[in-house]
Amino acid sequence: MKKQNVLHTERVQSNGKVYFLDLKEAENGNNYLVINQTKMMDDDKTERVKMILFENEIEQFAAAFSSIIFKFNHSGKENRKKENVKFDEKYIEDVRKEHPNAFQPWTKEDEELLAALFNDGKTVTELSKSFQRNEGGIRARLTKIGLAVKETAA
């Protein structure tokens, strides 16, 4: 039986927790992501936490998540088991068809140029084309270097 308005579901189970990532379609036709975490408590009760990401937030969230994974894998911690973190190489390959520099580390020079162009009034879309990165990656980097990005309605 198909859940109402669910387009796709992924399930992740680890350490007594279960995560469901549901891609859903709203009545207006827009997609959104619902992430549910369920875990058993000591008293045999279930605790649930839900997070919802709307379509206009997904790219920025994905870019931030990718950045965190990259930092996690390159943090230099000797006791970290890096083989447990898996990149979806197909996804990265697909994104790089349109944005060749996506998921590549930022150089100090690129960050300085990004800040200068942004302060000169370039839009996120223009910066995305110039740096050959997706708009979510541009927004995430601008936020990281302390520049506020004005969000536009989707």
C-alpha atoms as a PDB file:
ATOM      1  CA  MET A   1       0.000   0.000   0.000  1.00  0.00           C
ATOM      2  CA  LYS A   2       1.434   3.385  -1.062  1.00  0.00           C
ATOM      3  CA  LYS A   3       1.483   6.149   1.546  1.00  0.00           C
ATOM      4  CA  GLN A   4      -0.494   9.222   0.614  1.00  0.00           C
ATOM      5  CA  ASN A   5       1.555  11.784  -1.397  1.00  0.00           C
ATOM      6  CA  VAL A   6       4.860   9.890  -0.843  1.00  0.00           C
ATOM      7  CA  LEU A   7       6.932   9.830  -4.033  1.00  0.00           C
ATOM      8  CA  HIS A   8       9.944   7.968  -2.623  1.00  0.00           C
ATOM      9  CA  THR A   9      11.192   6.671   0.730  1.00  0.00           C
ATOM     10  CA  GLU A  10      14.651   5.814   2.015  1.00  0.00           C
ATOM     11  CA  ARG A  11      15.165   3.994   5.329  1.00  0.00           C
ATOM     12  CA  VAL A  12      18.313   4.114   7.474  1.00  0.00           C
ATOM     13  CA  GLN A  13      18.696   2.024  10.617  1.00  0.00           C
ATOM     14  CA  SER A  14      21.554   2.443  13.081  1.00  0.00           C
ATOM     15  CA  ASN A  15      22.148   1.986  16.815  1.00  0.00           C
ATOM     16  CA  GLY A  16      18.517   1.504  17.796  1.00  0.00           C
ATOM     17  CA  LYS A  17      17.300   4.406  15.686  1.00  0.00           C
ATOM     18  CA  VAL A  18      15.375   4.296  12.438  1.00  0.00           C
ATOM     19  CA  TYR A  19      15.293   7.219  10.018  1.00  0.00           C
ATOM     20  CA  PHE A  20      12.729   7.557   7.242  1.00  0.00           C
ATOM     21  CA  LEU A  21      13.399  10.085   4.495  1.00  0.00           C
ATOM     22  CA  ASP A  22      10.157  10.639   2.601  1.00  0.00           C
ATOM     23  CA  LEU A  23      10.000  12.709  -0.563  1.00  0.00           C
ATOM     24  CA  LYS A  24       6.439  13.987  -0.691  1.00  0.00           C
ATOM     25  CA  GLU A  25       4.298  16.070  -2.997  1.00  0.00           C
ATOM     26  CA  ALA A  26       2.167  18.869  -1.578  1.00  0.00           C
ATOM     27  CA  GLU A  27      -1.321  19.690  -2.852  1.00  0.00           C
ATOM     28  CA  ASN A  28       0.142  22.600  -4.851  1.00  0.00           C
ATOM     29  CA  GLY A  29       2.493  20.202  -6.687  1.00  0.00           C
ATOM     30  CA  ASN A  30       5.692  21.273  -4.879  1.00  0.00           C
ATOM     31  CA  ASN A  31       7.938  18.598  -3.409  1.00  0.00           C
ATOM     32  CA  TYR A  32       9.217  18.521   0.144  1.00  0.00           C
ATOM     33  CA  LEU A  33      11.283  16.182   2.310  1.00  0.00           C
ATOM     34  CA  VAL A  34      10.149  14.772   5.644  1.00  0.00           C
ATOM     35  CA  ILE A  35      12.806  13.189   7.858  1.00  0.00           C
ATOM     36  CA  ASN A  36      11.482  11.109  10.746  1.00  0.00           C
ATOM     37  CA  GLN A  37      13.676   9.661  13.475  1.00  0.00           C
ATOM     38  CA  THR A  38      12.241   6.929  15.681  1.00  0.00           C
ATOM     39  CA  LYS A  39      14.026   5.368  18.636  1.00  0.00           C
ATOM     40  CA  MET A  40      13.068   3.063  21.452  1.00  0.00           C
ATOM     41  CA  MET A  41      13.486   4.510  24.931  1.00  0.00           C
ATOM     42  CA  ASP A  42      14.477   2.549  28.043  1.00  0.00           C
ATOM     43  CA  ASP A  43      10.843   2.401  29.199  1.00  0.00           C
ATOM     44  CA  ASP A  44       9.780   0.667  25.932  1.00  0.00           C
ATOM     45  CA  LYS A  45       8.192   3.865  24.682  1.00  0.00           C
ATOM     46  CA  THR A  46       8.946   5.243  21.239  1.00  0.00           C
ATOM     47  CA  GLU A  47      10.336   8.723  20.732  1.00  0.00           C
ATOM     48  CA  ARG A  48       9.777  10.400  17.362  1.00  0.00           C
ATOM     49  CA  VAL A  49      11.329  13.522  15.896  1.00  0.00           C
ATOM     50  CA  LYS A  50      10.262  15.041  12.592  1.00  0.00           C
ATOM     51  CA  MET A  51      11.946  17.585  10.338  1.00  0.00           C
ATOM     52  CA  ILE A  52      10.480  19.048   7.154  1.00  0.00           C
ATOM     53  CA  LEU A  53      12.537  20.649   4.364  1.00  0.00           C
ATOM     54  CA  PHE A  54      10.754  22.507   1.616  1.00  0.00           C
ATOM     55  CA  GLU A  55      11.786  22.561  -2.024  1.00  0.00           C
ATOM     56  CA  ASN A  56      13.498  25.963  -1.800  1.00  0.00           C
ATOM     57  CA  GLU A  57      15.661  24.724   1.106  1.00  0.00           C
ATOM     58  CA  ILE A  58      16.861  21.392  -0.275  1.00  0.00           C
ATOM     59  CA  GLU A  59      19.862  22.602  -2.330  1.00  0.00           C
ATOM     60  CA  GLN A  60      21.215  24.746   0.488  1.00  0.00           C
ATOM     61  CA  PHE A  61      20.708  21.921   2.988  1.00  0.00           C
ATOM     62  CA  ALA A  62      22.376  19.411   0.636  1.00  0.00           C
ATOM     63  CA  ALA A  63      25.345  21.724   0.100  1.00  0.00           C
ATOM     64  CA  ALA A  64      25.761  22.235   3.845  1.00  0.00           C
ATOM     65  CA  PHE A  65      25.444  18.498   4.479  1.00  0.00           C
ATOM     66  CA  SER A  66      28.021  17.734   1.771  1.00  0.00           C
ATOM     67  CA  SER A  67      30.368  20.296   3.296  1.00  0.00           C
ATOM     68  CA  ILE A  68      30.008  18.678   6.724  1.00  0.00           C
ATOM     69  CA  ILE A  69      30.675  15.214   5.289  1.00  0.00           C
ATOM     70  CA  PHE A  70      33.757  16.540   3.518  1.00  0.00           C
ATOM     71  CA  LYS A  71      35.029  18.143   6.749  1.00  0.00           C
ATOM     72  CA  PHE A  72      34.230  14.957   8.658  1.00  0.00           C
ATOM     73  CA  ASN A  73      36.270  12.863   6.221  1.00  0.00           C
ATOM     74  CA  HIS A  74      39.181  15.296   6.190  1.00  0.00           C
ATOM     75  CA  SER A  75      39.294  16.258   9.859  1.00  0.00           C
ATOM     76  CA  GLY A  76      42.540  14.382  10.533  1.00  0.00           C
ATOM     77  CA  LYS A  77      41.135  12.337  13.387  1.00  0.00           C
ATOM     78  CA  GLU A  78      43.166   9.124  13.425  1.00  0.00           C
ATOM     79  CA  ASN A  79      40.564   7.111  15.293  1.00  0.00           C
ATOM     80  CA  ARG A  80      37.704   7.915  12.902  1.00  0.00           C
ATOM     81  CA  LYS A  81      36.513   5.028  10.743  1.00  0.00           C
ATOM     82  CA  LYS A  82      36.178   6.804   7.418  1.00  0.00           C
ATOM     83  CA  GLU A  83      34.944   3.710   5.619  1.00  0.00           C
ATOM     84  CA  ASN A  84      31.566   4.138   7.369  1.00  0.00           C
ATOM     85  CA  VAL A  85      30.801   7.364   5.460  1.00  0.00           C
ATOM     86  CA  LYS A  86      29.746   6.749   1.875  1.00  0.00           C
ATOM     87  CA  PHE A  87      29.464   9.376  -0.834  1.00  0.00           C
ATOM     88  CA  ASP A  88      26.860   8.872  -3.521  1.00  0.00           C
ATOM     89  CA  GLU A  89      29.301   9.061  -6.418  1.00  0.00           C
ATOM     90  CA  LYS A  90      26.498   8.861  -8.999  1.00  0.00           C
ATOM     91  CA  TYR A  91      24.818  11.917  -7.481  1.00  0.00           C
ATOM     92  CA  ILE A  92      28.087  13.871  -7.449  1.00  0.00           C
ATOM     93  CA  GLU A  93      28.786  12.840 -11.046  1.00  0.00           C
ATOM     94  CA  ASP A  94      25.307  13.958 -12.130  1.00  0.00           C
ATOM     95  CA  VAL A  95      25.612  17.336 -10.375  1.00  0.00           C
ATOM     96  CA  ARG A  96      29.037  17.925 -11.904  1.00  0.00           C
ATOM     97  CA  LYS A  97      27.594  17.563 -15.414  1.00  0.00           C
ATOM     98  CA  GLU A  98      25.933  20.938 -14.916  1.00  0.00           C
ATOM     99  CA  HIS A  99      28.227  22.363 -12.203  1.00  0.00           C
ATOM    100  CA  PRO A 100      31.804  21.035 -12.741  1.00  0.00           C
ATOM    101  CA  ASN A 101      33.175  22.503  -9.481  1.00  0.00           C
ATOM    102  CA  ALA A 102      30.409  21.152  -7.227  1.00  0.00           C
ATOM    103  CA  PHE A 103      31.730  19.412  -4.085  1.00  0.00           C
ATOM    104  CA  GLN A 104      35.284  20.629  -4.757  1.00  0.00           C
ATOM    105  CA  PRO A 105      37.073  22.371  -1.856  1.00  0.00           C
ATOM    106  CA  TRP A 106      37.051  26.167  -1.957  1.00  0.00           C
ATOM    107  CA  THR A 107      40.393  27.927  -2.176  1.00  0.00           C
ATOM    108  CA  LYS A 108      41.078  31.069  -0.169  1.00  0.00           C
ATOM    109  CA  GLU A 109      41.355  32.991  -3.462  1.00  0.00           C
ATOM    110  CA  ASP A 110      37.957  31.710  -4.648  1.00  0.00           C
ATOM    111  CA  GLU A 111      36.367  32.713  -1.333  1.00  0.00           C
ATOM    112  CA  GLU A 112      37.854  36.208  -1.594  1.00  0.00           C
ATOM    113  CA  LEU A 113      36.642  36.554  -5.196  1.00  0.00           C
ATOM    114  CA  LEU A 114      33.199  35.235  -4.228  1.00  0.00           C
ATOM    115  CA  ALA A 115      32.926  37.825  -1.433  1.00  0.00           C
ATOM    116  CA  ALA A 116      34.081  40.652  -3.709  1.00  0.00           C
ATOM    117  CA  LEU A 117      31.650  39.750  -6.500  1.00  0.00           C
ATOM    118  CA  PHE A 118      28.780  39.287  -4.048  1.00  0.00           C
ATOM    119  CA  ASN A 119      29.521  42.654  -2.421  1.00  0.00           C
ATOM    120  CA  ASP A 120      29.567  44.195  -5.918  1.00  0.00           C
ATOM    121  CA  GLY A 121      25.959  43.091  -6.338  1.00  0.00           C
ATOM    122  CA  LYS A 122      26.274  39.826  -8.275  1.00  0.00           C
ATOM    123  CA  THR A 123      23.315  37.494  -7.730  1.00  0.00           C
ATOM    124  CA  VAL A 124      23.578  33.919  -6.496  1.00  0.00           C
ATOM    125  CA  THR A 125      22.577  32.771  -9.993  1.00  0.00           C
ATOM    126  CA  GLU A 126      25.365  34.814 -11.595  1.00  0.00           C
ATOM    127  CA  LEU A 127      27.876  33.553  -9.034  1.00  0.00           C
ATOM    128  CA  SER A 128      26.728  29.982  -9.648  1.00  0.00           C
ATOM    129  CA  LYS A 129      27.537  30.338 -13.338  1.00  0.00           C
ATOM    130  CA  SER A 130      30.870  32.083 -12.695  1.00  0.00           C
ATOM    131  CA  PHE A 131      32.113  29.513 -10.190  1.00  0.00           C
ATOM    132  CA  GLN A 132      30.483  26.523 -11.927  1.00  0.00           C
ATOM    133  CA  ARG A 133      28.828  25.452  -8.677  1.00  0.00           C
ATOM    134  CA  ASN A 134      25.152  25.017  -7.837  1.00  0.00           C
ATOM    135  CA  GLU A 135      23.254  27.843  -6.192  1.00  0.00           C
ATOM    136  CA  GLY A 136      22.944  25.920  -2.920  1.00  0.00           C
ATOM    137  CA  GLY A 137      26.722  25.604  -2.758  1.00  0.00           C
ATOM    138  CA  ILE A 138      27.136  29.325  -3.401  1.00  0.00           C
ATOM    139  CA  ARG A 139      24.604  30.189  -0.664  1.00  0.00           C
ATOM    140  CA  ALA A 140      26.256  27.801   1.785  1.00  0.00           C
ATOM    141  CA  ARG A 141      29.723  29.265   1.141  1.00  0.00           C
ATOM    142  CA  LEU A 142      28.448  32.848   1.426  1.00  0.00           C
ATOM    143  CA  THR A 143      26.854  31.947   4.753  1.00  0.00           C
ATOM    144  CA  LYS A 144      30.048  30.234   5.919  1.00  0.00           C
ATOM    145  CA  ILE A 145      32.175  33.313   5.169  1.00  0.00           C
ATOM    146  CA  GLY A 146      29.699  35.529   7.006  1.00  0.00           C
ATOM    147  CA  LEU A 147      27.748  37.107   4.169  1.00  0.00           C
ATOM    148  CA  ALA A 148      23.975  37.056   4.452  1.00  0.00           C
ATOM    149  CA  VAL A 149      22.058  35.913   1.403  1.00  0.00           C
ATOM    150  CA  LYS A 150      18.631  37.420   0.868  1.00  0.00           C
ATOM    151  CA  GLU A 151      16.258  34.568   0.018  1.00  0.00           C
ATOM    152  CA  THR A 152      13.786  35.040  -2.775  1.00  0.00           C
ATOM    153  CA  ALA A 153      10.373  33.427  -2.959  1.00  0.00           C
ATOM    154  CA  ALA A 154      10.304  30.212  -4.969  1.00  0.00           C
END
